[in-house]
C-alpha atoms as a PDB file:
ATOM      1  CA  MET A   1     -14.397  22.533   5.060  1.00  0.00           C
ATOM      2  CA  ARG A   2     -17.455  24.552   6.098  1.00  0.00           C
ATOM      3  CA  GLY A   3     -18.603  21.453   7.964  1.00  0.00           C
ATOM      4  CA  ALA A   4     -15.413  21.548  10.006  1.00  0.00           C
ATOM      5  CA  VAL A   5     -15.978  25.207  10.890  1.00  0.00           C
ATOM      6  CA  ALA A   6     -19.581  24.409  11.837  1.00  0.00           C
ATOM      7  CA  ALA A   7     -18.373  21.505  13.973  1.00  0.00           C
ATOM      8  CA  GLN A   8     -15.939  23.827  15.763  1.00  0.00           C
ATOM      9  CA  ARG A   9     -18.783  26.197  16.561  1.00  0.00           C
ATOM     10  CA  LEU A  10     -20.876  23.357  17.979  1.00  0.00           C
ATOM     11  CA  GLY A  11     -17.994  21.889  19.966  1.00  0.00           C
ATOM     12  CA  VAL A  12     -17.981  18.585  18.088  1.00  0.00           C
ATOM     13  CA  PHE A  13     -14.946  19.114  15.859  1.00  0.00           C
ATOM     14  CA  GLU A  14     -13.059  15.972  16.894  1.00  0.00           C
ATOM     15  CA  ALA A  15     -16.105  13.714  16.578  1.00  0.00           C
ATOM     16  CA  TYR A  16     -16.963  15.360  13.244  1.00  0.00           C
ATOM     17  CA  GLY A  17     -13.455  14.717  11.917  1.00  0.00           C
ATOM     18  CA  ASP A  18     -13.583  11.108  13.043  1.00  0.00           C
ATOM     19  CA  ALA A  19     -17.010  10.598  11.448  1.00  0.00           C
ATOM     20  CA  VAL A  20     -16.050  12.183   8.131  1.00  0.00           C
ATOM     21  CA  TYR A  21     -12.749  10.308   7.977  1.00  0.00           C
ATOM     22  CA  ARG A  22     -14.486   7.003   8.690  1.00  0.00           C
ATOM     23  CA  ALA A  23     -17.213   7.669   6.152  1.00  0.00           C
ATOM     24  CA  MET A  24     -14.769   8.594   3.395  1.00  0.00           C
ATOM     25  CA  TRP A  25     -11.770   6.388   3.955  1.00  0.00           C
ATOM     26  CA  VAL A  26     -13.038   3.378   5.896  1.00  0.00           C
ATOM     27  CA  ASP A  27     -16.579   3.012   4.577  1.00  0.00           C
ATOM     28  CA  GLY A  28     -15.887   4.489   1.129  1.00  0.00           C
ATOM     29  CA  LEU A  29     -19.025   6.635   1.156  1.00  0.00           C
ATOM     30  CA  LYS A  30     -19.681   9.302  -1.465  1.00  0.00           C
ATOM     31  CA  MET A  31     -19.461  12.344   0.791  1.00  0.00           C
ATOM     32  CA  ASP A  32     -20.480  14.819  -1.903  1.00  0.00           C
ATOM     33  CA  ASP A  33     -24.061  13.557  -1.586  1.00  0.00           C
ATOM     34  CA  PRO A  34     -25.981  15.548   1.078  1.00  0.00           C
ATOM     35  CA  ALA A  35     -28.112  12.533   2.049  1.00  0.00           C
ATOM     36  CA  VAL A  36     -25.000  10.415   2.579  1.00  0.00           C
ATOM     37  CA  ILE A  37     -23.391  13.153   4.668  1.00  0.00           C
ATOM     38  CA  GLU A  38     -26.503  13.487   6.813  1.00  0.00           C
ATOM     39  CA  THR A  39     -26.686   9.727   7.370  1.00  0.00           C
ATOM     40  CA  ALA A  40     -22.989   9.483   8.243  1.00  0.00           C
ATOM     41  CA  LEU A  41     -23.205  12.330  10.749  1.00  0.00           C
ATOM     42  CA  THR A  42     -26.408  11.004  12.293  1.00  0.00           C
ATOM     43  CA  THR A  43     -24.945   7.518  12.573  1.00  0.00           C
ATOM     44  CA  ALA A  44     -21.990   9.030  14.427  1.00  0.00           C
ATOM     45  CA  GLY A  45     -24.396  10.629  16.905  1.00  0.00           C
ATOM     46  CA  LEU A  46     -23.769  14.161  15.657  1.00  0.00           C
ATOM     47  CA  PRO A  47     -26.403  16.877  15.156  1.00  0.00           C
ATOM     48  CA  ALA A  48     -26.476  16.419  11.390  1.00  0.00           C
ATOM     49  CA  ALA A  49     -29.259  18.874  10.558  1.00  0.00           C
ATOM     50  CA  GLU A  50     -27.673  21.612  12.645  1.00  0.00           C
ATOM     51  CA  LEU A  51     -24.214  21.018  11.175  1.00  0.00           C
ATOM     52  CA  ILE A  52     -25.546  21.018   7.622  1.00  0.00           C
ATOM     53  CA  ALA A  53     -27.569  24.185   8.231  1.00  0.00           C
ATOM     54  CA  LEU A  54     -24.528  25.960   9.665  1.00  0.00           C
ATOM     55  CA  THR A  55     -22.510  25.188   6.525  1.00  0.00           C
ATOM     56  CA  GLN A  56     -24.854  27.588   4.712  1.00  0.00           C
ATOM     57  CA  ASP A  57     -24.486  30.370   7.286  1.00  0.00           C
ATOM     58  CA  PRO A  58     -22.677  33.371   5.762  1.00  0.00           C
ATOM     59  CA  GLU A  59     -20.704  33.810   8.991  1.00  0.00           C
ATOM     60  CA  VAL A  60     -19.361  30.242   8.726  1.00  0.00           C
ATOM     61  CA  LYS A  61     -18.375  30.857   5.107  1.00  0.00           C
ATOM     62  CA  ALA A  62     -16.637  34.108   6.097  1.00  0.00           C
ATOM     63  CA  GLU A  63     -14.806  32.401   8.937  1.00  0.00           C
ATOM     64  CA  LEU A  64     -13.519  29.748   6.553  1.00  0.00           C
ATOM     65  CA  ASP A  65     -12.302  32.449   4.187  1.00  0.00           C
ATOM     66  CA  ARG A  66     -10.461  34.156   7.057  1.00  0.00           C
ATOM     67  CA  GLN A  67      -8.770  30.883   8.029  1.00  0.00           C
ATOM     68  CA  HIS A  68      -7.314  30.470   4.554  1.00  0.00           C
END
């Protein structure tokens, strides 16, 4: 979920959602593995390192908490 918030901040939310959906449900990838996530995002042409780094940003975590 923090990845989705990060993707919103970077303006790639729709592409992020498509990439994660494809990785999980079409390709059957194990998306709880950081290396797999990075590869899936990179393959989709997304800024994987930046997205992953933002998931650890306290402001992203706080924003997610506010949304729930």
